[in-house]
Each structure stands twice: as structure tokens, then as C-alpha cells.
Amino acid sequence: MPIATYRGEGSVGEIADRLYTRLTPRQRVKVETALLRANPRLTDLDTVDEGTVLRVPDIPEIRAKASNDGGNVDAQIAERVARALKEYGERLGGRFKADEEAVKEQVATLNNRGLKAALGEAPQARELAAKAAESLKERSSAAKDRHKATKDALEQALSDLNKMLK
């Protein structure tokens, strides 16, 4: 079944007119019914986000337009997904960087001479501070590994999407 994207039309009839060629009133009713059957969410257009993928039903006696969405729908979807993945990767990279900086600050605080002096006669507290610093270093290392794995996965997904676009 072909697909198209929702462009914010005000009615199922407008969607039908955009997707199918020269509809008579009777054909429009048939197309609207088929669109609603294939895309139940269209019953309340206020809940459908622009860009939502729609199934375009094959109706033998009614011809769909050759280009439903002003171009290759698969390419448009791939471009949107690629853009979203890039944005996600950038945001995630920023979060990993912020987390890494926070861990560095926390380790520096735990290794601070002033804190160690304050803990002077409390060996359990000094031991706890040392364990916390070590735990933070391990957390930072694990986060770096997760960041690299995520970055690699996103790059692979983007590469696959770019191949689709060619």
C-alpha cells in the first residue's frame, strides 16, 4: 500500500483531493471511507500531527496521483528521520559532555585537599570519599563507552538512510 504524509488538511475530503485524481462526489465518499478504514486516526484530525504517515488505499477504479506528496514519500520520510536522528545525536552529545564535566567537578571536590583535611581524623569518611571518587570515575568511563556506542549506531543509521535517499 502506498503512503503519504499528512500536511495539516482540514478534512478527509481535502486529503482525498490531494491524493487522488479528479474525484466525483461519489468517488470522494468512497475514497474518504477507504482512507478512514486505512487510517482510523483521521476521524479526529486535531490529534494527527503534521508529517504523520498515511496509508493510501489502492482503489482499482480510482486512480491515485502519481506523486502523492510532491516527491518520493520514502525519501521524504527518510529525510525527516535523518534530521531527527542528527538533532537527537547533537542533544545527546551535549548531555554526555555536561555529565562528563559534572563528574570531573565532583571528583575534584572529593580529591580536594581542604576536604581531605576536614575529614582528617575520620578514616571512614576519607575511605567513603575515595570510594565515591572511584565510583564516579567508573561511571564516567561507562558513560564514554555508551556515548561511543550510541554515536556509532546513529552514524550507521544515518548512513543507511543516506543510501535510501540515493
Protein backbone atom coordinates (compact mmCIF):
# COMPACT_ATOMS: atom_id res chain seq x y z
CA MET A 1 0.00 0.00 0.00
CA PRO A 2 1.47 3.41 -0.94
CA ILE A 3 2.00 6.02 1.74
CA ALA A 4 1.83 9.81 2.00
CA THR A 5 2.24 12.31 4.80
CA TYR A 6 -0.42 14.40 6.47
CA ARG A 7 0.01 18.11 5.64
CA GLY A 8 -2.50 19.57 8.05
CA GLU A 9 -5.57 19.42 5.81
CA GLY A 10 -8.84 20.46 7.41
CA SER A 11 -10.85 17.43 6.29
CA VAL A 12 -10.53 13.90 4.99
CA GLY A 13 -12.04 15.22 1.75
CA GLU A 14 -9.10 17.59 1.31
CA ILE A 15 -6.71 14.69 1.83
CA ALA A 16 -8.65 12.67 -0.76
CA ASP A 17 -8.43 15.54 -3.27
CA ARG A 18 -4.69 15.83 -2.75
CA LEU A 19 -4.04 12.11 -3.14
CA TYR A 20 -6.44 11.12 -5.93
CA THR A 21 -7.08 12.43 -9.44
CA ARG A 22 -10.37 14.17 -10.41
CA LEU A 23 -12.81 12.73 -7.92
CA THR A 24 -16.52 12.88 -8.49
CA PRO A 25 -18.64 13.41 -5.36
CA ARG A 26 -19.46 9.71 -5.28
CA GLN A 27 -15.79 8.72 -5.69
CA ARG A 28 -14.79 11.18 -2.96
CA VAL A 29 -17.13 9.43 -0.50
CA LYS A 30 -15.63 6.07 -1.47
CA VAL A 31 -12.06 7.41 -1.10
CA GLU A 32 -12.83 9.08 2.25
CA THR A 33 -14.28 5.81 3.55
CA ALA A 34 -11.21 3.88 2.36
CA LEU A 35 -8.84 6.48 3.86
CA LEU A 36 -10.61 6.29 7.21
CA ARG A 37 -10.52 2.49 7.15
CA ALA A 38 -6.78 2.52 6.37
CA ASN A 39 -6.06 5.39 8.80
CA PRO A 40 -8.51 5.34 11.75
CA ARG A 41 -6.77 8.31 13.39
CA LEU A 42 -8.14 10.55 10.66
CA THR A 43 -11.54 10.53 12.37
CA ASP A 44 -10.19 13.31 14.61
CA LEU A 45 -7.74 15.43 12.59
CA ASP A 46 -6.93 17.53 15.68
CA THR A 47 -4.99 14.55 17.08
CA VAL A 48 -2.98 13.96 13.89
CA ASP A 49 0.43 15.64 13.73
CA GLU A 50 1.63 17.19 10.53
CA GLY A 51 4.03 14.76 8.85
CA THR A 52 2.19 11.68 10.11
CA VAL A 53 2.48 8.81 7.65
CA LEU A 54 -0.81 7.89 6.00
CA ARG A 55 -1.67 4.71 4.14
CA VAL A 56 -3.05 5.44 0.69
CA PRO A 57 -5.55 2.69 -0.14
CA ASP A 58 -5.48 1.10 -3.58
CA ILE A 59 -8.91 1.56 -5.13
CA PRO A 60 -8.89 -0.14 -8.54
CA GLU A 61 -11.49 2.08 -10.21
CA ILE A 62 -9.98 5.32 -8.85
CA ARG A 63 -6.51 6.45 -9.79
CA ALA A 64 -4.18 7.88 -7.17
CA LYS A 65 -1.98 10.75 -8.24
CA ALA A 66 1.45 9.67 -9.43
CA SER A 67 3.18 11.77 -6.82
CA ASN A 68 1.14 11.95 -3.65
CA ASP A 69 3.34 14.27 -1.70
CA GLY A 70 5.32 16.32 -4.16
CA GLY A 71 8.08 13.76 -4.41
CA ASN A 72 9.23 10.37 -3.28
CA VAL A 73 7.41 9.77 0.01
CA ASP A 74 10.01 7.24 1.17
CA ALA A 75 12.74 9.81 0.60
CA GLN A 76 10.78 12.45 2.50
CA ILE A 77 10.31 10.15 5.46
CA ALA A 78 13.98 9.12 5.34
CA GLU A 79 15.00 12.80 5.31
CA ARG A 80 12.79 13.57 8.32
CA VAL A 81 14.13 10.60 10.24
CA ALA A 82 17.71 11.55 9.34
CA ARG A 83 17.14 15.12 10.51
CA ALA A 84 15.60 13.88 13.78
CA LEU A 85 18.49 11.46 14.35
CA LYS A 86 21.04 14.22 13.79
CA GLU A 87 19.25 16.52 16.24
CA TYR A 88 18.97 13.70 18.78
CA GLY A 89 22.68 12.92 18.40
CA GLU A 90 23.60 16.57 18.96
CA ARG A 91 21.42 16.86 22.06
CA LEU A 92 22.70 13.57 23.42
CA GLY A 93 26.30 14.63 22.79
CA GLY A 94 25.68 17.79 24.77
CA ARG A 95 24.22 15.80 27.63
CA PHE A 96 27.18 13.39 27.68
CA LYS A 97 29.58 16.34 27.69
CA ALA A 98 27.71 18.04 30.56
CA ASP A 99 27.67 14.77 32.52
CA GLU A 100 31.40 14.32 31.96
CA GLU A 101 32.09 17.85 33.23
CA ALA A 102 29.91 17.27 36.29
CA VAL A 103 31.80 14.07 37.12
CA LYS A 104 35.15 15.86 36.78
CA GLU A 105 33.98 18.58 39.18
CA GLN A 106 32.70 16.02 41.68
CA VAL A 107 35.95 14.01 41.56
CA ALA A 108 37.96 17.22 42.01
CA THR A 109 35.83 18.12 45.03
CA LEU A 110 36.31 14.67 46.58
CA ASN A 111 40.08 14.86 45.98
CA ASN A 112 40.33 18.43 47.28
CA ARG A 113 42.98 18.88 49.98
CA GLY A 114 40.61 21.01 52.03
CA LEU A 115 38.02 18.23 52.11
CA LYS A 116 40.68 15.66 52.95
CA ALA A 117 41.94 17.89 55.77
CA ALA A 118 38.41 18.37 57.05
CA LEU A 119 37.94 14.61 57.06
CA GLY A 120 41.36 14.25 58.73
CA GLU A 121 40.54 12.19 61.79
CA ALA A 122 37.61 10.32 60.25
CA PRO A 123 39.14 7.40 58.34
CA GLN A 124 35.72 6.02 57.42
CA ALA A 125 34.73 9.32 55.84
CA ARG A 126 38.03 9.53 53.92
CA GLU A 127 37.53 5.97 52.72
CA LEU A 128 33.97 6.79 51.67
CA ALA A 129 35.17 9.88 49.75
CA ALA A 130 37.83 7.78 47.99
CA LYS A 131 35.23 5.13 47.05
CA ALA A 132 32.87 7.83 45.76
CA ALA A 133 35.64 9.31 43.60
CA GLU A 134 36.46 5.87 42.19
CA SER A 135 32.79 5.18 41.53
CA LEU A 136 32.46 8.48 39.68
CA LYS A 137 35.48 7.63 37.51
CA GLU A 138 33.93 4.26 36.65
CA ARG A 139 30.62 5.98 35.84
CA SER A 140 32.42 8.41 33.56
CA SER A 141 34.21 5.59 31.76
CA ALA A 142 30.96 3.66 31.26
CA ALA A 143 29.24 6.83 30.00
CA LYS A 144 32.03 7.36 27.46
CA ASP A 145 31.55 3.79 26.21
CA ARG A 146 27.77 4.30 25.93
CA HIS A 147 28.30 7.61 24.14
CA LYS A 148 30.61 6.00 21.61
CA ALA A 149 28.22 3.08 21.03
CA THR A 150 25.28 5.45 20.61
CA LYS A 151 27.23 7.73 18.30
CA ASP A 152 28.30 4.74 16.17
CA ALA A 153 24.71 3.46 15.99
CA LEU A 154 23.39 6.88 14.96
CA GLU A 155 26.10 7.23 12.30
CA GLN A 156 25.22 3.78 10.94
CA ALA A 157 21.51 4.65 10.85
CA LEU A 158 22.26 7.92 9.05
CA SER A 159 24.47 6.10 6.57
CA ASP A 160 21.69 3.59 5.87
CA LEU A 161 19.17 6.41 5.41
CA ASN A 162 21.51 8.25 3.04
CA LYS A 163 21.80 5.07 0.95
CA MET A 164 18.00 5.00 0.76
CA LEU A 165 17.96 8.57 -0.49
CA LYS A 166 20.28 7.81 -3.40
